[in-house]
Protein backbone atom coordinates (compact mmCIF):
# COMPACT_ATOMS: atom_id res chain seq x y z
CA MET A 1 -31.62 4.22 -14.65
CA ALA A 2 -29.28 6.21 -16.89
CA PHE A 3 -27.14 4.10 -19.15
CA LYS A 4 -23.50 5.08 -19.61
CA LYS A 5 -21.61 5.13 -22.85
CA GLN A 6 -18.19 3.53 -22.80
CA PRO A 7 -14.97 5.01 -24.26
CA TYR A 8 -13.80 3.09 -27.31
CA ASN A 9 -10.91 3.13 -29.79
CA TRP A 10 -11.18 3.87 -33.53
CA GLU A 11 -8.86 0.95 -34.35
CA ASN A 12 -11.34 -1.46 -32.70
CA VAL A 13 -14.43 -0.23 -34.55
CA GLU A 14 -15.98 -3.07 -36.56
CA ALA A 15 -19.13 -3.63 -38.58
CA GLY A 16 -22.01 -4.11 -36.16
CA ASP A 17 -20.76 -1.74 -33.44
CA ILE A 18 -23.10 0.97 -32.15
CA ILE A 19 -20.88 4.02 -31.70
CA SER A 20 -21.18 7.74 -31.12
CA PHE A 21 -18.79 10.51 -32.15
CA LYS A 22 -18.89 14.22 -32.89
CA TYR A 23 -19.05 15.26 -36.54
CA LYS A 24 -19.34 18.53 -38.41
CA SER A 25 -21.03 18.22 -41.79
CA LYS A 26 -20.78 20.78 -44.57
CA ASN A 27 -24.48 21.66 -44.47
CA VAL A 28 -25.01 22.15 -40.73
CA ARG A 29 -22.01 24.30 -39.79
CA ARG A 30 -21.88 23.05 -36.23
CA THR A 31 -20.60 19.90 -34.60
CA LYS A 32 -23.24 17.42 -33.52
CA SER A 33 -23.07 14.09 -31.78
CA GLN A 34 -23.84 11.18 -34.15
CA THR A 35 -24.88 7.69 -33.04
CA ILE A 36 -24.69 5.04 -35.75
CA LEU A 37 -24.79 1.30 -36.27
CA VAL A 38 -21.54 0.75 -38.21
CA LEU A 39 -21.82 -1.17 -41.47
CA ASN A 40 -18.47 -0.28 -43.11
CA PRO A 41 -15.83 1.12 -40.73
CA PHE A 42 -13.12 1.94 -43.28
CA PHE A 43 -14.48 1.93 -46.84
CA ARG A 44 -12.26 3.09 -49.69
CA ARG A 45 -14.16 5.33 -52.08
CA ARG A 46 -13.56 7.69 -54.96
CA THR A 47 -14.37 11.36 -54.36
CA LYS A 48 -14.24 14.50 -56.49
CA THR A 49 -10.79 15.32 -55.13
CA GLY A 50 -9.39 11.83 -55.50
CA ARG A 51 -9.59 8.82 -53.24
CA GLY A 52 -10.68 8.82 -49.65
CA TYR A 53 -12.05 6.65 -46.90
CA ALA A 54 -15.55 6.60 -45.49
CA LEU A 55 -17.32 5.44 -42.35
CA ILE A 56 -20.74 4.06 -43.35
CA GLY A 57 -23.64 3.22 -41.11
CA ILE A 58 -27.30 3.56 -40.13
CA LYS A 59 -27.91 6.74 -38.13
CA LEU A 60 -29.79 6.05 -34.89
CA GLU A 61 -29.46 9.43 -33.15
CA GLU A 62 -28.23 12.93 -33.88
CA ALA A 63 -27.55 15.35 -31.01
CA ASN A 64 -29.26 12.86 -28.65
CA ARG A 65 -32.50 12.99 -30.66
CA ASN A 66 -33.82 9.78 -32.14
CA GLN A 67 -33.55 9.55 -35.90
CA LEU A 68 -34.60 5.92 -36.00
CA GLN A 69 -36.74 4.37 -33.30
CA VAL A 70 -35.59 0.81 -32.80
CA THR A 71 -38.90 -1.02 -32.58
CA LYS A 72 -39.75 -4.70 -32.91
CA LYS A 73 -40.07 -4.26 -36.70
CA GLN A 74 -36.60 -2.70 -37.07
CA LEU A 75 -35.11 -5.39 -34.81
CA THR A 76 -36.45 -8.12 -37.07
CA ILE A 77 -34.98 -6.37 -40.13
CA PHE A 78 -31.58 -6.02 -38.42
CA GLU A 79 -31.71 -9.66 -37.29
CA GLN A 80 -31.91 -10.81 -40.92
CA ILE A 81 -28.19 -10.01 -41.22
CA GLY A 82 -27.10 -10.80 -37.65
CA THR A 83 -28.01 -11.04 -33.98
CA PHE A 84 -27.71 -8.46 -31.20
CA VAL A 85 -25.27 -9.59 -28.54
CA PRO A 86 -24.60 -7.77 -25.27
CA VAL A 87 -21.28 -6.00 -24.77
CA ASP A 88 -22.32 -4.66 -21.34
CA GLU A 89 -25.91 -5.52 -20.36
CA ALA A 90 -25.85 -3.36 -17.23
CA ASN A 91 -25.38 -0.25 -19.40
CA ASN A 92 -27.54 -1.53 -22.30
CA LEU A 93 -24.53 -1.72 -24.68
CA PHE A 94 -25.11 -4.09 -27.58
CA ARG A 95 -23.55 -4.81 -30.96
CA LEU A 96 -24.93 -6.47 -34.04
CA ASN A 97 -22.98 -9.69 -34.58
CA ILE A 98 -23.22 -9.86 -38.39
CA LYS A 99 -23.38 -13.30 -40.00
CA PRO A 100 -20.18 -14.32 -41.87
CA GLN A 101 -21.95 -14.61 -45.25
CA PHE A 102 -22.65 -10.82 -45.14
CA ILE A 103 -19.09 -9.73 -44.23
CA VAL A 104 -16.46 -8.92 -46.90
CA ASN A 105 -13.62 -8.50 -44.40
CA ASP A 106 -12.88 -6.53 -41.19
CA MET A 107 -11.86 -3.37 -43.02
CA ARG A 108 -14.55 -3.21 -45.70
CA GLY A 109 -17.50 -4.35 -43.60
CA VAL A 110 -20.74 -5.72 -45.02
CA LYS A 111 -21.61 -6.81 -48.57
CA PRO A 112 -24.12 -4.96 -50.76
CA ARG A 113 -26.59 -7.81 -50.20
CA ALA A 114 -26.81 -6.79 -46.54
CA PHE A 115 -27.67 -3.24 -47.59
CA ASP A 116 -30.46 -4.66 -49.79
CA LEU A 117 -31.95 -6.59 -46.86
CA LEU A 118 -31.79 -3.55 -44.57
CA SER A 119 -33.31 -1.24 -47.15
CA LYS A 120 -36.58 -3.20 -47.04
CA GLY A 121 -37.47 -1.18 -43.97
CA LEU A 122 -38.19 2.29 -45.34
CA SER A 123 -37.30 4.04 -42.11
CA ILE A 124 -33.96 2.22 -42.05
CA ALA A 125 -33.16 2.98 -45.70
CA GLY A 126 -33.69 6.68 -45.03
CA GLN A 127 -31.04 6.68 -42.27
CA TYR A 128 -28.14 5.32 -44.35
CA ARG A 129 -25.21 7.72 -43.88
CA THR A 130 -21.64 8.14 -45.12
CA TYR A 131 -19.08 10.10 -43.11
CA ASP A 132 -15.54 11.13 -44.00
CA TYR A 133 -13.47 8.70 -41.95
CA TYR A 134 -10.64 11.10 -41.14
CA LYS A 135 -13.03 13.92 -40.08
CA ALA A 136 -14.93 11.52 -37.84
CA ARG A 137 -11.72 10.16 -36.38
CA ARG A 138 -10.74 13.61 -35.05
CA SER A 139 -13.24 13.21 -32.23
CA SER A 140 -13.45 10.60 -29.50
CA VAL A 141 -15.50 7.48 -30.12
CA TYR A 142 -17.79 5.77 -27.65
CA LEU A 143 -19.86 2.59 -27.50
CA GLU A 144 -23.36 3.95 -27.19
CA PRO A 145 -26.34 2.35 -25.36
CA ILE A 146 -29.36 1.80 -27.57
CA ARG A 147 -32.88 2.80 -26.72
CA LEU A 148 -35.37 0.11 -27.58
CA PHE A 149 -38.99 1.05 -28.14
CA THR A 150 -40.34 -2.48 -27.82
CA LYS A 151 -41.14 -2.64 -24.12
CA ILE A 152 -44.59 -1.60 -23.03
CA PRO A 153 -45.06 -0.19 -19.52
CA ASP A 154 -47.05 -2.43 -17.17
CA ASP A 155 -50.07 -0.07 -17.05
CA GLU A 156 -50.39 -0.08 -20.81
CA LEU A 157 -49.82 -3.84 -20.90
CA HIS A 158 -52.75 -4.44 -18.54
CA LYS A 159 -54.96 -2.12 -20.61
CA GLU A 160 -54.04 -4.06 -23.76
CA GLN A 161 -54.85 -7.37 -22.08
CA GLU A 162 -58.24 -6.05 -20.99
CA ILE A 163 -59.01 -4.90 -24.55
CA ILE A 164 -58.04 -8.34 -25.91
CA LYS A 165 -60.29 -10.07 -23.33
CA ARG A 166 -63.18 -7.80 -24.29
CA ARG A 167 -62.65 -8.57 -27.96
CA GLY A 168 -62.91 -12.29 -27.21
CA LYS A 169 -66.18 -11.80 -25.35
CA VAL A 170 -68.02 -9.36 -27.56
CA LYS A 171 -71.04 -8.04 -25.78
CA GLN A 172 -74.13 -8.19 -27.96
CA PRO A 173 -76.32 -5.10 -27.98
CA ASP A 174 -79.53 -5.29 -25.99
CA LYS A 175 -82.69 -6.12 -27.92
CA PRO A 176 -84.94 -3.14 -28.39
CA GLN A 177 -87.85 -3.14 -25.98
CA GLN A 178 -91.33 -3.57 -27.40
CA PRO A 179 -93.98 -1.13 -26.23
CA LYS A 180 -96.24 -2.67 -23.61
CA ARG A 181 -99.81 -3.43 -24.60
CA PRO A 182 -102.67 -2.89 -22.26
CA LYS A 183 -104.14 -5.98 -20.62
CA GLY A 184 -107.43 -5.72 -22.33
CA GLY A 185 -105.86 -6.17 -25.72
CA VAL A 186 -107.43 -3.14 -27.40
CA ASP A 187 -107.57 0.38 -26.16
CA SER A 188 -111.19 1.19 -25.38
CA GLU A 189 -112.51 4.54 -24.52
CA ASP A 190 -115.32 4.58 -22.00
């Protein structure tokens, strides 16, 4: 079943939303679709040219290619700062409901302590991204379905269960067979 993304509004974007938008970076020279878990939706920052605003998040996909596989390990790291709640379960749309002690306010997003907890997962720390808010805002924004890599297909599940059963009942190797002796006890030549 194909999951559908849902149109969204930039004014409604909050910390914890999983959104996608088109963005053209300076290095790439072409516009690519970005899917991120938003941590700071409207962060005021100082740039070389003065002051500006940034959209900060953890990159999950770029051009529909996974940058961060959301496995059981990553879910436990994300759940240190909040819990995933469904927005639309039929389309697999979720958001991270961040705990109040990690939120500065609606505009600024999460506190630096939340970044520290997330950076414990090396694959998550490598996907921390900052986007120019006004460049990102030029494109449409969507709530994006997430792809979880925690479910195991039934065939593989049965194979794993068989392996676990075999480990519990370890088969001992057969004893080496002794050579048979003749009935007379000693070999005699006649």
